[in-house]
C-alpha atoms as a PDB file:
ATOM      1  CA  MET A   1      75.034 -34.736 -48.906  1.00  0.00           C
ATOM      2  CA  ARG A   2      72.864 -36.333 -51.561  1.00  0.00           C
ATOM      3  CA  GLY A   3      72.796 -35.657 -55.284  1.00  0.00           C
ATOM      4  CA  GLY A   4      69.983 -36.183 -57.763  1.00  0.00           C
ATOM      5  CA  GLY A   5      68.179 -39.502 -57.467  1.00  0.00           C
ATOM      6  CA  GLY A   6      69.147 -39.931 -53.809  1.00  0.00           C
ATOM      7  CA  ARG A   7      72.704 -40.969 -54.637  1.00  0.00           C
ATOM      8  CA  PRO A   8      75.582 -39.554 -52.564  1.00  0.00           C
ATOM      9  CA  TRP A   9      77.635 -36.776 -54.165  1.00  0.00           C
ATOM     10  CA  ARG A  10      81.114 -37.737 -55.235  1.00  0.00           C
ATOM     11  CA  ARG A  11      84.026 -35.771 -53.900  1.00  0.00           C
ATOM     12  CA  LEU A  12      85.168 -33.284 -56.535  1.00  0.00           C
ATOM     13  CA  ARG A  13      88.898 -33.617 -57.176  1.00  0.00           C
ATOM     14  CA  GLN A  14      89.570 -31.374 -60.140  1.00  0.00           C
ATOM     15  CA  VAL A  15      87.702 -29.150 -62.588  1.00  0.00           C
ATOM     16  CA  GLY A  16      89.398 -28.428 -65.878  1.00  0.00           C
ATOM     17  CA  HIS A  17      86.956 -25.879 -67.293  1.00  0.00           C
ATOM     18  CA  ALA A  18      83.406 -24.773 -66.633  1.00  0.00           C
ATOM     19  CA  THR A  19      81.188 -22.146 -68.260  1.00  0.00           C
ATOM     20  CA  LEU A  20      78.302 -20.786 -66.222  1.00  0.00           C
ATOM     21  CA  ALA A  21      75.567 -18.338 -67.249  1.00  0.00           C
ATOM     22  CA  VAL A  22      74.424 -16.219 -64.305  1.00  0.00           C
ATOM     23  CA  ARG A  23      72.071 -13.274 -63.853  1.00  0.00           C
ATOM     24  CA  ASP A  24      74.290 -11.283 -61.493  1.00  0.00           C
ATOM     25  CA  LEU A  25      77.945 -11.615 -62.454  1.00  0.00           C
ATOM     26  CA  GLY A  26      79.269  -9.645 -59.489  1.00  0.00           C
ATOM     27  CA  ARG A  27      77.402 -11.759 -56.949  1.00  0.00           C
ATOM     28  CA  ALA A  28      78.457 -14.984 -58.679  1.00  0.00           C
ATOM     29  CA  ARG A  29      82.104 -13.880 -58.735  1.00  0.00           C
ATOM     30  CA  ASP A  30      81.975 -13.046 -55.025  1.00  0.00           C
ATOM     31  CA  LEU A  31      80.245 -16.343 -54.196  1.00  0.00           C
ATOM     32  CA  TYR A  32      82.776 -18.516 -56.035  1.00  0.00           C
ATOM     33  CA  ALA A  33      85.660 -16.535 -54.564  1.00  0.00           C
ATOM     34  CA  ARG A  34      84.309 -17.017 -51.043  1.00  0.00           C
ATOM     35  CA  VAL A  35      82.919 -20.568 -51.230  1.00  0.00           C
ATOM     36  CA  ALA A  36      85.194 -22.280 -53.762  1.00  0.00           C
ATOM     37  CA  ASN A  37      88.289 -20.142 -53.067  1.00  0.00           C
ATOM     38  CA  LEU A  38      88.594 -19.145 -56.742  1.00  0.00           C
ATOM     39  CA  VAL A  39      90.439 -15.981 -57.744  1.00  0.00           C
ATOM     40  CA  PRO A  40      89.629 -13.730 -60.723  1.00  0.00           C
ATOM     41  CA  THR A  41      92.290 -13.785 -63.435  1.00  0.00           C
ATOM     42  CA  CYS A  42      90.514 -11.679 -66.070  1.00  0.00           C
ATOM     43  CA  GLU A  43      87.460  -9.435 -65.963  1.00  0.00           C
ATOM     44  CA  GLU A  44      85.735  -8.040 -69.052  1.00  0.00           C
ATOM     45  CA  PRO A  45      82.220  -6.651 -69.523  1.00  0.00           C
ATOM     46  CA  GLY A  46      79.869  -9.597 -69.028  1.00  0.00           C
ATOM     47  CA  ARG A  47      82.650 -12.104 -68.360  1.00  0.00           C
ATOM     48  CA  VAL A  48      84.911 -13.150 -65.481  1.00  0.00           C
ATOM     49  CA  LEU A  49      87.561 -15.856 -65.608  1.00  0.00           C
ATOM     50  CA  LEU A  50      88.300 -17.554 -62.292  1.00  0.00           C
ATOM     51  CA  ARG A  51      90.957 -20.067 -61.335  1.00  0.00           C
ATOM     52  CA  SER A  52      91.967 -22.047 -58.312  1.00  0.00           C
ATOM     53  CA  GLN A  53      95.027 -21.004 -56.383  1.00  0.00           C
ATOM     54  CA  PHE A  54      96.779 -24.209 -57.380  1.00  0.00           C
ATOM     55  CA  GLU A  55      98.799 -24.503 -60.569  1.00  0.00           C
ATOM     56  CA  HIS A  56      98.053 -27.606 -62.620  1.00  0.00           C
ATOM     57  CA  HIS A  57     101.188 -27.618 -64.807  1.00  0.00           C
END
């Protein structure tokens, strides 16, 4: 797989924190749960917190 500029993507090892703005929160939550294997930890109106299934501490 190639990234921007024709360079190969690097293998992602760990993400500490990411904030994403999406149009359809429900679809985004389902996508990241299915594709990235993230699980919801908190859901509030207009906001969902997801985490991996691996503890980092």
